[in-house]
Amino acid sequence: MSEPSPERVFATPAGVALGPLDQIADGRARAFVLQMRAGRFHGFVVRQGGQAYGYVDRCPHMGLPLAQVLDDYLTPGGDLIACSWHSALFAISDGACVGGPCAGQRLTPWPVTVENGMLRTA
């Protein structure tokens, strides 16, 4: 049996169970790290009511993870995703840059879905 790769990957297969949506407070975000054979995936999910928005945890401006503090992906008001390194701001609904040094760029979507209260990759 081969060892998992230490490389970072930027996509996951569909159907991976991430747990109940309730593990993320409404209006908050949570990091997910998945170890796969090809490498380790880092993503995060923002919950807004019964909806979930997933993104790869990588700022398009510098290629760094967005949060310096675990699960700290949102602005204080919870209305935007924020890169804690360079203050880039992104829309929750589509990951588009709306402020900072990332003009014309967007976060890489990580397709997730909510089925019967459970969060899964799509």
N, C-alpha and C. Protein backbone atom coordinates (compact mmCIF):
# COMPACT_ATOMS: atom_id res chain seq x y z
N MET A 1 0.84 -1.18 0.00
CA MET A 1 0.00 0.00 0.00
C MET A 1 0.88 1.24 0.00
N SER A 2 0.58 2.20 -0.86
CA SER A 2 1.41 3.39 -0.96
C SER A 2 1.01 4.43 0.09
N GLU A 3 1.99 5.22 0.48
CA GLU A 3 1.77 6.31 1.44
C GLU A 3 1.06 7.46 0.75
N PRO A 4 0.22 8.23 1.47
CA PRO A 4 -0.38 9.42 0.87
C PRO A 4 0.71 10.43 0.52
N SER A 5 0.50 11.15 -0.55
CA SER A 5 1.47 12.16 -0.99
C SER A 5 1.39 13.39 -0.08
N PRO A 6 2.54 14.03 0.20
CA PRO A 6 2.52 15.26 0.98
C PRO A 6 2.17 16.49 0.14
N GLU A 7 1.99 16.29 -1.16
CA GLU A 7 1.69 17.40 -2.06
C GLU A 7 0.33 18.01 -1.73
N ARG A 8 0.18 19.29 -2.09
CA ARG A 8 -1.11 19.95 -1.92
C ARG A 8 -1.92 19.80 -3.20
N VAL A 9 -3.19 19.43 -3.06
CA VAL A 9 -4.08 19.29 -4.21
C VAL A 9 -5.18 20.34 -4.09
N PHE A 10 -5.82 20.64 -5.21
CA PHE A 10 -6.76 21.76 -5.24
C PHE A 10 -8.17 21.37 -5.66
N ALA A 11 -8.49 20.08 -5.56
CA ALA A 11 -9.84 19.60 -5.87
C ALA A 11 -10.07 18.31 -5.10
N THR A 12 -11.33 17.96 -4.91
CA THR A 12 -11.71 16.72 -4.23
C THR A 12 -12.73 15.98 -5.08
N PRO A 13 -12.85 14.68 -4.88
CA PRO A 13 -13.91 13.94 -5.57
C PRO A 13 -15.28 14.31 -5.01
N ALA A 14 -16.30 14.09 -5.78
CA ALA A 14 -17.67 14.33 -5.32
C ALA A 14 -18.08 13.25 -4.34
N GLY A 15 -19.00 13.61 -3.43
CA GLY A 15 -19.60 12.65 -2.53
C GLY A 15 -18.89 12.44 -1.21
N VAL A 16 -17.85 13.20 -0.93
CA VAL A 16 -17.15 13.06 0.35
C VAL A 16 -18.00 13.73 1.43
N ALA A 17 -18.35 12.96 2.47
CA ALA A 17 -19.14 13.49 3.57
C ALA A 17 -18.24 14.34 4.47
N LEU A 18 -18.65 15.58 4.70
CA LEU A 18 -17.89 16.51 5.53
C LEU A 18 -18.50 16.66 6.92
N GLY A 19 -19.71 16.15 7.12
CA GLY A 19 -20.36 16.22 8.41
C GLY A 19 -21.62 17.06 8.35
N PRO A 20 -22.28 17.20 9.49
CA PRO A 20 -23.52 17.98 9.51
C PRO A 20 -23.27 19.47 9.26
N LEU A 21 -24.18 20.11 8.55
CA LEU A 21 -24.07 21.55 8.31
C LEU A 21 -24.02 22.31 9.62
N ASP A 22 -24.69 21.79 10.65
CA ASP A 22 -24.75 22.46 11.95
C ASP A 22 -23.38 22.62 12.62
N GLN A 23 -22.35 21.93 12.12
CA GLN A 23 -21.02 22.10 12.70
C GLN A 23 -20.43 23.47 12.36
N ILE A 24 -21.08 24.17 11.44
CA ILE A 24 -20.68 25.54 11.09
C ILE A 24 -21.81 26.46 11.55
N ALA A 25 -21.51 27.40 12.42
CA ALA A 25 -22.52 28.35 12.87
C ALA A 25 -22.99 29.19 11.69
N ASP A 26 -24.27 29.53 11.67
CA ASP A 26 -24.81 30.37 10.61
C ASP A 26 -24.04 31.68 10.55
N GLY A 27 -23.61 32.07 9.33
CA GLY A 27 -22.86 33.31 9.15
C GLY A 27 -21.38 33.18 9.47
N ARG A 28 -20.90 31.96 9.61
CA ARG A 28 -19.49 31.71 9.94
C ARG A 28 -18.87 30.79 8.89
N ALA A 29 -17.58 30.51 9.06
CA ALA A 29 -16.86 29.64 8.13
C ALA A 29 -16.07 28.60 8.91
N ARG A 30 -15.71 27.53 8.22
CA ARG A 30 -14.92 26.47 8.84
C ARG A 30 -13.95 25.88 7.83
N ALA A 31 -12.72 25.64 8.28
CA ALA A 31 -11.70 25.02 7.45
C ALA A 31 -11.90 23.50 7.39
N PHE A 32 -11.54 22.92 6.27
CA PHE A 32 -11.54 21.47 6.09
C PHE A 32 -10.22 21.08 5.43
N VAL A 33 -9.57 20.07 5.98
CA VAL A 33 -8.36 19.52 5.39
C VAL A 33 -8.63 18.04 5.14
N LEU A 34 -8.51 17.64 3.89
CA LEU A 34 -8.78 16.25 3.51
C LEU A 34 -7.49 15.61 3.01
N GLN A 35 -7.11 14.50 3.61
CA GLN A 35 -5.95 13.77 3.14
C GLN A 35 -6.41 12.76 2.10
N MET A 36 -5.88 12.90 0.90
CA MET A 36 -6.21 11.97 -0.17
C MET A 36 -4.92 11.31 -0.65
N ARG A 37 -5.05 10.28 -1.43
CA ARG A 37 -3.87 9.58 -1.92
C ARG A 37 -2.95 10.53 -2.69
N ALA A 38 -3.53 11.42 -3.49
CA ALA A 38 -2.75 12.34 -4.32
C ALA A 38 -2.13 13.48 -3.52
N GLY A 39 -2.61 13.71 -2.31
CA GLY A 39 -2.09 14.80 -1.50
C GLY A 39 -3.13 15.35 -0.54
N ARG A 40 -2.83 16.49 0.03
CA ARG A 40 -3.70 17.09 1.04
C ARG A 40 -4.44 18.28 0.41
N PHE A 41 -5.77 18.30 0.63
CA PHE A 41 -6.62 19.39 0.15
C PHE A 41 -6.97 20.29 1.32
N HIS A 42 -6.87 21.61 1.10
CA HIS A 42 -7.25 22.61 2.11
C HIS A 42 -8.37 23.46 1.51
N GLY A 43 -9.52 23.46 2.17
CA GLY A 43 -10.64 24.26 1.72
C GLY A 43 -11.39 24.83 2.92
N PHE A 44 -12.40 25.63 2.63
CA PHE A 44 -13.25 26.15 3.70
C PHE A 44 -14.65 26.31 3.17
N VAL A 45 -15.60 26.30 4.11
CA VAL A 45 -17.01 26.42 3.77
C VAL A 45 -17.59 27.56 4.59
N VAL A 46 -18.36 28.42 3.92
CA VAL A 46 -19.10 29.50 4.58
C VAL A 46 -20.57 29.08 4.60
N ARG A 47 -21.18 29.19 5.77
CA ARG A 47 -22.60 28.86 5.89
C ARG A 47 -23.41 30.14 5.96
N GLN A 48 -24.47 30.18 5.15
CA GLN A 48 -25.46 31.26 5.21
C GLN A 48 -26.82 30.58 5.22
N GLY A 49 -27.40 30.47 6.41
CA GLY A 49 -28.67 29.76 6.55
C GLY A 49 -28.49 28.30 6.19
N GLY A 50 -29.32 27.82 5.27
CA GLY A 50 -29.22 26.43 4.82
C GLY A 50 -28.30 26.24 3.64
N GLN A 51 -27.64 27.32 3.21
CA GLN A 51 -26.73 27.23 2.07
C GLN A 51 -25.28 27.19 2.52
N ALA A 52 -24.45 26.54 1.71
CA ALA A 52 -23.03 26.44 1.99
C ALA A 52 -22.25 26.81 0.73
N TYR A 53 -21.20 27.59 0.91
CA TYR A 53 -20.33 28.02 -0.19
C TYR A 53 -18.92 27.54 0.12
N GLY A 54 -18.36 26.73 -0.77
CA GLY A 54 -17.03 26.19 -0.54
C GLY A 54 -16.00 26.79 -1.47
N TYR A 55 -14.79 26.98 -0.93
CA TYR A 55 -13.67 27.52 -1.71
C TYR A 55 -12.38 26.83 -1.32
N VAL A 56 -11.47 26.73 -2.27
CA VAL A 56 -10.12 26.28 -1.99
C VAL A 56 -9.46 27.35 -1.13
N ASP A 57 -8.76 26.94 -0.10
CA ASP A 57 -8.13 27.88 0.83
C ASP A 57 -6.80 28.38 0.24
N ARG A 58 -6.94 29.26 -0.73
CA ARG A 58 -5.77 29.80 -1.43
C ARG A 58 -6.14 31.15 -2.03
N CYS A 59 -5.44 32.19 -1.61
CA CYS A 59 -5.70 33.53 -2.15
C CYS A 59 -5.14 33.62 -3.57
N PRO A 60 -5.94 34.10 -4.53
CA PRO A 60 -5.45 34.20 -5.90
C PRO A 60 -4.36 35.26 -6.06
N HIS A 61 -4.25 36.16 -5.12
CA HIS A 61 -3.27 37.24 -5.19
C HIS A 61 -1.85 36.73 -4.94
N MET A 62 -1.66 35.96 -3.86
CA MET A 62 -0.32 35.50 -3.50
C MET A 62 -0.19 33.98 -3.36
N GLY A 63 -1.29 33.26 -3.48
CA GLY A 63 -1.22 31.81 -3.37
C GLY A 63 -1.13 31.29 -1.95
N LEU A 64 -1.33 32.15 -0.97
CA LEU A 64 -1.27 31.75 0.44
C LEU A 64 -2.65 31.33 0.94
N PRO A 65 -2.71 30.52 2.02
CA PRO A 65 -4.01 30.28 2.66
C PRO A 65 -4.58 31.63 3.12
N LEU A 66 -5.89 31.76 3.12
CA LEU A 66 -6.53 33.03 3.45
C LEU A 66 -6.45 33.40 4.93
N ALA A 67 -6.62 32.42 5.80
CA ALA A 67 -6.73 32.71 7.24
C ALA A 67 -5.41 32.44 7.96
N GLN A 68 -5.00 33.39 8.79
CA GLN A 68 -3.85 33.18 9.66
C GLN A 68 -4.28 32.52 10.96
N VAL A 69 -5.57 32.65 11.30
CA VAL A 69 -6.14 32.05 12.50
C VAL A 69 -7.20 31.04 12.04
N LEU A 70 -7.21 29.86 12.62
CA LEU A 70 -8.12 28.80 12.21
C LEU A 70 -9.57 29.29 12.12
N ASP A 71 -10.19 29.04 11.00
CA ASP A 71 -11.60 29.35 10.72
C ASP A 71 -11.92 30.84 10.65
N ASP A 72 -10.93 31.70 10.61
CA ASP A 72 -11.14 33.16 10.57
C ASP A 72 -11.09 33.66 9.12
N TYR A 73 -12.14 33.33 8.37
CA TYR A 73 -12.19 33.65 6.94
C TYR A 73 -13.05 34.86 6.60
N LEU A 74 -13.84 35.35 7.54
CA LEU A 74 -14.79 36.40 7.21
C LEU A 74 -14.43 37.73 7.85
N THR A 75 -14.93 38.80 7.25
CA THR A 75 -14.78 40.12 7.84
C THR A 75 -15.56 40.16 9.15
N PRO A 76 -15.29 41.13 10.04
CA PRO A 76 -16.00 41.18 11.33
C PRO A 76 -17.52 41.16 11.20
N GLY A 77 -18.07 41.77 10.15
CA GLY A 77 -19.51 41.77 9.94
C GLY A 77 -20.04 40.48 9.33
N GLY A 78 -19.13 39.60 8.88
CA GLY A 78 -19.52 38.33 8.30
C GLY A 78 -20.08 38.41 6.89
N ASP A 79 -19.91 39.57 6.24
CA ASP A 79 -20.52 39.75 4.93
C ASP A 79 -19.57 39.50 3.76
N LEU A 80 -18.27 39.36 4.03
CA LEU A 80 -17.29 39.12 2.98
C LEU A 80 -16.24 38.13 3.47
N ILE A 81 -15.60 37.45 2.53
CA ILE A 81 -14.44 36.62 2.83
C ILE A 81 -13.22 37.53 2.76
N ALA A 82 -12.31 37.41 3.71
CA ALA A 82 -11.14 38.28 3.78
C ALA A 82 -9.86 37.48 3.82
N CYS A 83 -8.87 37.92 3.05
CA CYS A 83 -7.52 37.37 3.14
C CYS A 83 -6.81 38.12 4.27
N SER A 84 -6.39 37.40 5.29
CA SER A 84 -5.77 38.06 6.44
C SER A 84 -4.34 38.51 6.17
N TRP A 85 -3.78 38.15 5.05
CA TRP A 85 -2.40 38.55 4.73
C TRP A 85 -2.34 39.90 4.04
N HIS A 86 -3.20 40.10 3.04
CA HIS A 86 -3.11 41.31 2.22
C HIS A 86 -4.42 42.07 2.11
N SER A 87 -5.39 41.74 2.95
CA SER A 87 -6.67 42.45 3.03
C SER A 87 -7.52 42.38 1.76
N ALA A 88 -7.29 41.38 0.93
CA ALA A 88 -8.16 41.19 -0.22
C ALA A 88 -9.54 40.75 0.29
N LEU A 89 -10.59 41.20 -0.40
CA LEU A 89 -11.96 40.90 0.00
C LEU A 89 -12.69 40.21 -1.15
N PHE A 90 -13.51 39.22 -0.79
CA PHE A 90 -14.19 38.42 -1.80
C PHE A 90 -15.66 38.25 -1.43
N ALA A 91 -16.52 38.22 -2.45
CA ALA A 91 -17.95 37.96 -2.25
C ALA A 91 -18.15 36.51 -1.83
N ILE A 92 -19.02 36.27 -0.87
CA ILE A 92 -19.27 34.92 -0.39
C ILE A 92 -19.96 34.09 -1.48
N SER A 93 -20.88 34.68 -2.20
CA SER A 93 -21.70 33.93 -3.15
C SER A 93 -20.95 33.39 -4.37
N ASP A 94 -19.89 34.08 -4.81
CA ASP A 94 -19.19 33.62 -6.02
C ASP A 94 -17.67 33.75 -5.95
N GLY A 95 -17.12 34.22 -4.84
CA GLY A 95 -15.67 34.31 -4.67
C GLY A 95 -14.99 35.42 -5.45
N ALA A 96 -15.78 36.32 -6.05
CA ALA A 96 -15.19 37.41 -6.83
C ALA A 96 -14.51 38.43 -5.91
N CYS A 97 -13.36 38.91 -6.34
CA CYS A 97 -12.66 39.95 -5.58
C CYS A 97 -13.46 41.24 -5.65
N VAL A 98 -13.73 41.81 -4.48
CA VAL A 98 -14.49 43.06 -4.42
C VAL A 98 -13.68 44.19 -3.77
N GLY A 99 -12.43 43.89 -3.41
CA GLY A 99 -11.58 44.91 -2.81
C GLY A 99 -10.19 44.38 -2.53
N GLY A 100 -9.22 45.28 -2.55
CA GLY A 100 -7.85 44.88 -2.26
C GLY A 100 -7.05 44.57 -3.51
N PRO A 101 -5.90 43.91 -3.35
CA PRO A 101 -4.95 43.73 -4.45
C PRO A 101 -5.26 42.56 -5.39
N CYS A 102 -6.51 42.20 -5.53
CA CYS A 102 -6.86 41.03 -6.34
C CYS A 102 -7.83 41.37 -7.47
N ALA A 103 -7.84 42.61 -7.92
CA ALA A 103 -8.80 43.05 -8.94
C ALA A 103 -8.86 42.09 -10.12
N GLY A 104 -10.09 41.72 -10.49
CA GLY A 104 -10.31 40.84 -11.63
C GLY A 104 -10.10 39.36 -11.32
N GLN A 105 -9.75 39.02 -10.09
CA GLN A 105 -9.52 37.62 -9.74
C GLN A 105 -10.67 37.11 -8.87
N ARG A 106 -10.66 35.82 -8.60
CA ARG A 106 -11.67 35.23 -7.73
C ARG A 106 -11.10 34.00 -7.06
N LEU A 107 -11.74 33.61 -5.98
CA LEU A 107 -11.37 32.39 -5.29
C LEU A 107 -11.74 31.18 -6.15
N THR A 108 -11.02 30.10 -5.98
CA THR A 108 -11.33 28.87 -6.70
C THR A 108 -12.47 28.16 -5.97
N PRO A 109 -13.59 27.94 -6.65
CA PRO A 109 -14.72 27.27 -5.99
C PRO A 109 -14.37 25.84 -5.60
N TRP A 110 -14.91 25.40 -4.49
CA TRP A 110 -14.87 24.01 -4.06
C TRP A 110 -16.33 23.58 -3.95
N PRO A 111 -16.83 22.86 -4.94
CA PRO A 111 -18.25 22.52 -4.97
C PRO A 111 -18.67 21.68 -3.76
N VAL A 112 -19.62 22.22 -3.00
CA VAL A 112 -20.20 21.50 -1.86
C VAL A 112 -21.71 21.61 -1.95
N THR A 113 -22.38 20.69 -1.30
CA THR A 113 -23.84 20.67 -1.30
C THR A 113 -24.34 20.27 0.08
N VAL A 114 -25.58 20.61 0.36
CA VAL A 114 -26.22 20.22 1.61
C VAL A 114 -27.36 19.28 1.25
N GLU A 115 -27.30 18.07 1.80
CA GLU A 115 -28.33 17.06 1.55
C GLU A 115 -28.82 16.53 2.88
N ASN A 116 -30.08 16.78 3.21
CA ASN A 116 -30.67 16.31 4.47
C ASN A 116 -29.83 16.75 5.67
N GLY A 117 -29.36 17.99 5.64
CA GLY A 117 -28.60 18.55 6.75
C GLY A 117 -27.14 18.15 6.80
N MET A 118 -26.70 17.33 5.81
CA MET A 118 -25.31 16.89 5.76
C MET A 118 -24.56 17.64 4.65
N LEU A 119 -23.36 18.04 4.96
CA LEU A 119 -22.49 18.75 4.02
C LEU A 119 -21.63 17.71 3.28
N ARG A 120 -21.64 17.81 1.94
CA ARG A 120 -20.86 16.88 1.10
C ARG A 120 -20.19 17.65 -0.03
N THR A 121 -19.11 17.06 -0.54
CA THR A 121 -18.52 17.62 -1.75
C THR A 121 -19.43 17.28 -2.91
N ALA A 122 -19.47 18.15 -3.89
CA ALA A 122 -20.35 17.95 -5.05
C ALA A 122 -19.52 17.67 -6.30
